[in-house]
Amino acid sequence: MKANTATNFSPIVSDEKKIDISLNDNEATIKLSTWTDALGWTCQKTLQVDSEMLDELHHVISAARYKINKQKAVENEEIESNKIIEFPCIR
């Protein structure tokens, strides 16, 4: 019998969603669960990612994160620019 060599990481949790990640051999398992009052945490999707795709997944997630953060920064700049009150011109 082969010993279980899985490595589990701390889950990422929000109010109604949870992502669990574990490593087993050369494969990462990513599970998305949602909270239901009557049932508790219920697994909705499971994704198995081999080691070769894991680097590419990291790259794509990082690029998406960068783009979202950049959009937020632009939106915050627009909000801040709306708060500026110009001094009256003296002629």
N, C-alpha and C. Protein backbone atom coordinates (compact mmCIF):
# COMPACT_ATOMS: atom_id res chain seq x y z
N MET A 1 0.83 -1.17 0.00
CA MET A 1 0.00 0.00 0.00
C MET A 1 0.88 1.24 0.00
N LYS A 2 0.57 2.17 -0.87
CA LYS A 2 1.33 3.39 -1.00
C LYS A 2 0.89 4.40 0.05
N ALA A 3 1.85 5.04 0.72
CA ALA A 3 1.54 6.02 1.75
C ALA A 3 1.00 7.30 1.10
N ASN A 4 0.08 7.95 1.79
CA ASN A 4 -0.48 9.21 1.29
C ASN A 4 0.54 10.32 1.52
N THR A 5 1.03 10.90 0.44
CA THR A 5 2.05 11.95 0.54
C THR A 5 1.49 13.32 0.14
N ALA A 6 0.18 13.49 0.27
CA ALA A 6 -0.45 14.75 -0.12
C ALA A 6 -0.05 15.86 0.83
N THR A 7 0.15 17.04 0.27
CA THR A 7 0.42 18.25 1.04
C THR A 7 -0.78 19.16 0.90
N ASN A 8 -1.36 19.55 2.02
CA ASN A 8 -2.52 20.44 2.00
C ASN A 8 -2.10 21.83 2.45
N PHE A 9 -2.66 22.83 1.81
CA PHE A 9 -2.38 24.21 2.15
C PHE A 9 -3.60 24.80 2.85
N SER A 10 -3.41 25.89 3.57
CA SER A 10 -4.53 26.56 4.22
C SER A 10 -5.52 27.02 3.16
N PRO A 11 -6.81 26.83 3.41
CA PRO A 11 -7.80 27.23 2.41
C PRO A 11 -7.92 28.75 2.30
N ILE A 12 -8.36 29.18 1.14
CA ILE A 12 -8.68 30.58 0.90
C ILE A 12 -10.19 30.69 1.09
N VAL A 13 -10.62 31.53 2.04
CA VAL A 13 -12.03 31.55 2.41
C VAL A 13 -12.59 32.96 2.33
N SER A 14 -13.77 33.10 1.71
CA SER A 14 -14.55 34.33 1.77
C SER A 14 -15.86 33.98 2.45
N ASP A 15 -16.82 34.88 2.42
CA ASP A 15 -18.09 34.62 3.11
C ASP A 15 -18.80 33.36 2.61
N GLU A 16 -18.84 33.18 1.31
CA GLU A 16 -19.61 32.06 0.77
C GLU A 16 -18.83 31.14 -0.15
N LYS A 17 -17.52 31.37 -0.30
CA LYS A 17 -16.70 30.52 -1.17
C LYS A 17 -15.43 30.11 -0.45
N LYS A 18 -14.92 28.94 -0.83
CA LYS A 18 -13.68 28.44 -0.25
C LYS A 18 -12.91 27.70 -1.33
N ILE A 19 -11.60 27.92 -1.39
CA ILE A 19 -10.74 27.21 -2.32
C ILE A 19 -9.71 26.42 -1.52
N ASP A 20 -9.68 25.12 -1.74
CA ASP A 20 -8.70 24.24 -1.10
C ASP A 20 -7.70 23.79 -2.16
N ILE A 21 -6.42 23.80 -1.80
CA ILE A 21 -5.37 23.35 -2.72
C ILE A 21 -4.54 22.29 -2.01
N SER A 22 -4.31 21.19 -2.72
CA SER A 22 -3.44 20.14 -2.19
C SER A 22 -2.54 19.63 -3.30
N LEU A 23 -1.38 19.13 -2.91
CA LEU A 23 -0.42 18.55 -3.85
C LEU A 23 -0.31 17.06 -3.58
N ASN A 24 -0.36 16.29 -4.64
CA ASN A 24 -0.19 14.84 -4.53
C ASN A 24 0.62 14.39 -5.71
N ASP A 25 1.80 13.86 -5.44
CA ASP A 25 2.76 13.48 -6.47
C ASP A 25 3.09 14.71 -7.33
N ASN A 26 2.87 14.65 -8.63
CA ASN A 26 3.17 15.78 -9.52
C ASN A 26 1.91 16.49 -9.98
N GLU A 27 0.92 16.57 -9.09
CA GLU A 27 -0.36 17.13 -9.48
C GLU A 27 -0.94 17.98 -8.35
N ALA A 28 -1.48 19.14 -8.71
CA ALA A 28 -2.18 20.00 -7.75
C ALA A 28 -3.68 19.80 -7.94
N THR A 29 -4.38 19.72 -6.82
CA THR A 29 -5.83 19.61 -6.86
C THR A 29 -6.41 20.88 -6.26
N ILE A 30 -7.26 21.55 -7.03
CA ILE A 30 -7.89 22.79 -6.60
C ILE A 30 -9.39 22.51 -6.51
N LYS A 31 -9.96 22.73 -5.30
CA LYS A 31 -11.38 22.48 -5.09
C LYS A 31 -12.08 23.78 -4.71
N LEU A 32 -13.16 24.09 -5.42
CA LEU A 32 -14.00 25.24 -5.11
C LEU A 32 -15.24 24.74 -4.39
N SER A 33 -15.48 25.28 -3.19
CA SER A 33 -16.66 24.92 -2.41
C SER A 33 -17.47 26.18 -2.12
N THR A 34 -18.77 26.00 -1.97
CA THR A 34 -19.65 27.11 -1.59
C THR A 34 -20.37 26.76 -0.30
N TRP A 35 -20.73 27.79 0.46
CA TRP A 35 -21.42 27.60 1.73
C TRP A 35 -22.92 27.60 1.50
N THR A 36 -23.57 26.58 2.04
CA THR A 36 -25.02 26.49 2.02
C THR A 36 -25.47 26.31 3.45
N ASP A 37 -26.42 27.13 3.91
CA ASP A 37 -26.84 27.07 5.30
C ASP A 37 -27.29 25.67 5.73
N ALA A 38 -28.01 24.98 4.90
CA ALA A 38 -28.53 23.67 5.27
C ALA A 38 -27.47 22.57 5.21
N LEU A 39 -26.43 22.76 4.35
CA LEU A 39 -25.45 21.69 4.13
C LEU A 39 -24.04 22.00 4.60
N GLY A 40 -23.70 23.26 4.76
CA GLY A 40 -22.32 23.64 5.07
C GLY A 40 -21.53 23.79 3.77
N TRP A 41 -20.23 23.48 3.83
CA TRP A 41 -19.38 23.60 2.65
C TRP A 41 -19.67 22.45 1.69
N THR A 42 -19.98 22.80 0.43
CA THR A 42 -20.29 21.81 -0.59
C THR A 42 -19.35 22.02 -1.77
N CYS A 43 -18.62 20.97 -2.16
CA CYS A 43 -17.68 21.07 -3.27
C CYS A 43 -18.45 21.22 -4.58
N GLN A 44 -18.09 22.26 -5.34
CA GLN A 44 -18.76 22.54 -6.61
C GLN A 44 -17.92 22.08 -7.80
N LYS A 45 -16.62 22.34 -7.72
CA LYS A 45 -15.74 22.01 -8.84
C LYS A 45 -14.40 21.53 -8.30
N THR A 46 -13.81 20.59 -9.01
CA THR A 46 -12.47 20.11 -8.69
C THR A 46 -11.65 20.17 -9.96
N LEU A 47 -10.46 20.75 -9.85
CA LEU A 47 -9.57 20.90 -11.00
C LEU A 47 -8.24 20.23 -10.67
N GLN A 48 -7.82 19.34 -11.52
CA GLN A 48 -6.53 18.66 -11.36
C GLN A 48 -5.55 19.29 -12.34
N VAL A 49 -4.45 19.83 -11.83
CA VAL A 49 -3.47 20.52 -12.67
C VAL A 49 -2.13 19.82 -12.51
N ASP A 50 -1.57 19.34 -13.64
CA ASP A 50 -0.27 18.68 -13.55
C ASP A 50 0.84 19.72 -13.38
N SER A 51 2.00 19.26 -13.01
CA SER A 51 3.11 20.16 -12.66
C SER A 51 3.52 21.05 -13.83
N GLU A 52 3.40 20.56 -15.05
CA GLU A 52 3.78 21.36 -16.21
C GLU A 52 2.83 22.54 -16.42
N MET A 53 1.55 22.34 -16.14
CA MET A 53 0.57 23.41 -16.32
C MET A 53 0.51 24.36 -15.13
N LEU A 54 1.06 23.95 -13.99
CA LEU A 54 0.97 24.76 -12.78
C LEU A 54 1.70 26.10 -12.94
N ASP A 55 2.86 26.10 -13.59
CA ASP A 55 3.59 27.34 -13.84
C ASP A 55 2.80 28.26 -14.77
N GLU A 56 2.20 27.70 -15.80
CA GLU A 56 1.40 28.50 -16.72
C GLU A 56 0.16 29.07 -16.02
N LEU A 57 -0.48 28.27 -15.15
CA LEU A 57 -1.63 28.74 -14.39
C LEU A 57 -1.23 29.91 -13.50
N HIS A 58 -0.09 29.80 -12.84
CA HIS A 58 0.42 30.88 -12.00
C HIS A 58 0.64 32.15 -12.83
N HIS A 59 1.20 31.99 -14.01
CA HIS A 59 1.46 33.13 -14.89
C HIS A 59 0.14 33.82 -15.29
N VAL A 60 -0.86 33.05 -15.67
CA VAL A 60 -2.14 33.60 -16.10
C VAL A 60 -2.86 34.29 -14.93
N ILE A 61 -2.83 33.67 -13.76
CA ILE A 61 -3.47 34.27 -12.58
C ILE A 61 -2.77 35.57 -12.20
N SER A 62 -1.44 35.59 -12.27
CA SER A 62 -0.69 36.81 -11.97
C SER A 62 -1.01 37.92 -12.95
N ALA A 63 -1.13 37.59 -14.23
CA ALA A 63 -1.47 38.58 -15.24
C ALA A 63 -2.88 39.13 -15.01
N ALA A 64 -3.82 38.26 -14.67
CA ALA A 64 -5.19 38.70 -14.40
C ALA A 64 -5.22 39.59 -13.16
N ARG A 65 -4.49 39.22 -12.14
CA ARG A 65 -4.41 40.01 -10.91
C ARG A 65 -3.83 41.39 -11.18
N TYR A 66 -2.78 41.44 -11.98
CA TYR A 66 -2.16 42.71 -12.33
C TYR A 66 -3.15 43.62 -13.07
N LYS A 67 -3.87 43.03 -14.03
CA LYS A 67 -4.83 43.81 -14.82
C LYS A 67 -5.97 44.34 -13.95
N ILE A 68 -6.49 43.51 -13.06
CA ILE A 68 -7.57 43.94 -12.16
C ILE A 68 -7.09 45.05 -11.24
N ASN A 69 -5.89 44.90 -10.65
CA ASN A 69 -5.35 45.93 -9.76
C ASN A 69 -5.10 47.24 -10.51
N LYS A 70 -4.67 47.14 -11.77
CA LYS A 70 -4.44 48.34 -12.57
C LYS A 70 -5.77 49.05 -12.85
N GLN A 71 -6.81 48.27 -13.16
CA GLN A 71 -8.14 48.86 -13.39
C GLN A 71 -8.65 49.56 -12.14
N LYS A 72 -8.45 48.93 -10.98
CA LYS A 72 -8.88 49.54 -9.72
C LYS A 72 -8.14 50.85 -9.48
N ALA A 73 -6.84 50.87 -9.77
CA ALA A 73 -6.04 52.08 -9.58
C ALA A 73 -6.54 53.20 -10.47
N VAL A 74 -6.87 52.88 -11.73
CA VAL A 74 -7.38 53.89 -12.66
C VAL A 74 -8.73 54.41 -12.16
N GLU A 75 -9.59 53.52 -11.71
CA GLU A 75 -10.90 53.94 -11.20
C GLU A 75 -10.74 54.83 -9.96
N ASN A 76 -9.79 54.49 -9.08
CA ASN A 76 -9.56 55.32 -7.89
C ASN A 76 -9.01 56.68 -8.26
N GLU A 77 -8.17 56.76 -9.29
CA GLU A 77 -7.66 58.04 -9.75
C GLU A 77 -8.79 58.91 -10.28
N GLU A 78 -9.74 58.30 -11.00
CA GLU A 78 -10.87 59.05 -11.52
C GLU A 78 -11.73 59.57 -10.37
N ILE A 79 -11.93 58.78 -9.36
CA ILE A 79 -12.72 59.20 -8.20
C ILE A 79 -12.01 60.34 -7.48
N GLU A 80 -10.70 60.21 -7.28
CA GLU A 80 -9.93 61.25 -6.61
C GLU A 80 -9.94 62.54 -7.41
N SER A 81 -9.84 62.43 -8.73
CA SER A 81 -9.82 63.65 -9.55
C SER A 81 -11.17 64.37 -9.50
N ASN A 82 -12.23 63.64 -9.25
CA ASN A 82 -13.55 64.26 -9.12
C ASN A 82 -13.68 65.04 -7.82
N LYS A 83 -12.86 64.76 -6.84
CA LYS A 83 -12.94 65.43 -5.54
C LYS A 83 -12.14 66.73 -5.50
N ILE A 84 -11.36 67.02 -6.50
CA ILE A 84 -10.51 68.21 -6.49
C ILE A 84 -11.36 69.44 -6.81
N ILE A 85 -11.25 70.43 -5.97
CA ILE A 85 -11.95 71.69 -6.18
C ILE A 85 -10.92 72.71 -6.64
N GLU A 86 -11.17 73.27 -7.80
CA GLU A 86 -10.21 74.24 -8.35
C GLU A 86 -10.39 75.60 -7.70
N PHE A 87 -9.28 76.29 -7.50
CA PHE A 87 -9.32 77.64 -6.98
C PHE A 87 -9.86 78.58 -8.05
N PRO A 88 -10.61 79.59 -7.62
CA PRO A 88 -11.13 80.55 -8.62
C PRO A 88 -9.98 81.37 -9.21
N CYS A 89 -10.11 81.70 -10.44
CA CYS A 89 -9.08 82.49 -11.13
C CYS A 89 -9.26 83.96 -10.78
N ILE A 90 -8.16 84.64 -10.51
CA ILE A 90 -8.18 86.08 -10.25
C ILE A 90 -7.75 86.76 -11.52
N ARG A 91 -8.56 87.66 -11.99
CA ARG A 91 -8.22 88.33 -13.25
C ARG A 91 -8.06 89.78 -13.03
